[in-house]
Amino acid sequence: MLFRSHAIDITLSLRAAVILKEEYPLTGTLIQKEKKSYRFRAIVHNLKPVTRFVIGFFGEVTIHGSPGFKKHVREQVRKMVGA
């Protein structure tokens, strides 16, 4: 599941959008300004980096669609908290 194509669609706070651009400069063109937030849509081939980012910005990132990605994030959080 980790190393295949996944459509990612997330809403970001300003802080999360700035850090995403800073850590991954090539994402800059994929981040779109919305009224009160930013939207990042992309096809990724490895869920590890984006999962780590989403968990690290808990409360500042919302996952849209992407049922496989949501499931993966849930599984990682369960492992992290020992549930």
Protein backbone atom coordinates (compact mmCIF):
# COMPACT_ATOMS: atom_id res chain seq x y z
CA MET A 1 0.00 0.00 0.00
CA LEU A 2 2.80 2.44 0.75
CA PHE A 3 4.54 2.43 -2.63
CA ARG A 4 1.84 2.89 -5.25
CA SER A 5 0.05 5.97 -6.56
CA HIS A 6 -2.28 7.72 -4.11
CA ALA A 7 -4.40 10.81 -4.72
CA ILE A 8 -3.94 13.18 -1.79
CA ASP A 9 -6.32 16.07 -1.10
CA ILE A 10 -5.80 18.01 2.12
CA THR A 11 -6.70 21.42 3.52
CA LEU A 12 -3.92 23.22 5.37
CA SER A 13 -3.62 26.10 7.81
CA LEU A 14 -1.32 28.95 6.78
CA ARG A 15 1.42 27.60 9.07
CA ALA A 16 1.12 24.07 7.65
CA ALA A 17 1.20 25.40 4.07
CA VAL A 18 4.32 27.47 4.74
CA ILE A 19 6.13 24.55 6.36
CA LEU A 20 5.10 22.17 3.56
CA LYS A 21 6.54 24.57 0.95
CA GLU A 22 9.68 25.01 3.05
CA GLU A 23 10.31 21.29 3.58
CA TYR A 24 9.21 20.21 0.08
CA PRO A 25 9.80 23.17 -2.30
CA LEU A 26 8.36 21.37 -5.33
CA THR A 27 4.92 21.34 -3.65
CA GLY A 28 4.64 25.12 -4.01
CA THR A 29 2.81 24.96 -7.33
CA LEU A 30 0.38 22.36 -5.94
CA ILE A 31 -0.78 24.44 -2.97
CA GLN A 32 -3.76 26.65 -3.79
CA LYS A 33 -5.04 29.53 -1.64
CA GLU A 34 -8.68 29.25 -0.58
CA LYS A 35 -10.73 31.76 1.42
CA LYS A 36 -9.43 30.89 4.89
CA SER A 37 -7.04 28.04 4.20
CA TYR A 38 -4.85 26.33 1.60
CA ARG A 39 -5.50 23.19 -0.43
CA PHE A 40 -2.90 20.65 -1.47
CA ARG A 41 -3.82 18.10 -4.14
CA ALA A 42 -1.28 15.71 -5.58
CA ILE A 43 -0.53 12.17 -6.61
CA VAL A 44 2.12 10.67 -4.33
CA HIS A 45 3.90 7.34 -4.56
CA ASN A 46 4.94 7.02 -0.93
CA LEU A 47 2.53 7.70 1.93
CA LYS A 48 5.20 7.89 4.64
CA PRO A 49 6.23 11.56 4.22
CA VAL A 50 2.69 12.91 3.83
CA THR A 51 1.43 10.79 6.73
CA ARG A 52 4.22 12.07 8.96
CA PHE A 53 3.35 15.63 7.92
CA VAL A 54 -0.39 15.23 8.57
CA ILE A 55 0.16 13.67 12.00
CA GLY A 56 2.70 16.36 12.88
CA PHE A 57 0.21 19.10 12.05
CA PHE A 58 -2.75 17.54 13.85
CA GLY A 59 -5.56 20.10 14.02
CA GLU A 60 -4.10 22.13 11.15
CA VAL A 61 -4.72 19.63 8.36
CA THR A 62 -7.98 18.09 7.11
CA ILE A 63 -7.99 15.07 4.81
CA HIS A 64 -10.61 15.11 2.02
CA GLY A 65 -11.65 12.07 0.00
CA SER A 66 -8.66 9.74 -0.26
CA PRO A 67 -10.20 6.80 1.68
CA GLY A 68 -7.00 4.76 1.41
CA PHE A 69 -4.94 7.63 2.81
CA LYS A 70 -7.41 8.21 5.66
CA LYS A 71 -7.24 4.52 6.54
CA HIS A 72 -3.44 4.60 6.48
CA VAL A 73 -3.31 7.65 8.78
CA ARG A 74 -5.78 6.00 11.20
CA GLU A 75 -3.63 2.85 11.31
CA GLN A 76 -0.48 4.86 12.00
CA VAL A 77 -2.16 6.81 14.81
CA ARG A 78 -3.45 3.57 16.35
CA LYS A 79 0.09 2.18 16.32
CA MET A 80 1.40 5.37 17.86
CA VAL A 81 -1.07 5.33 20.78
CA GLY A 82 -0.99 1.57 21.20
CA ALA A 83 -4.67 0.95 20.39
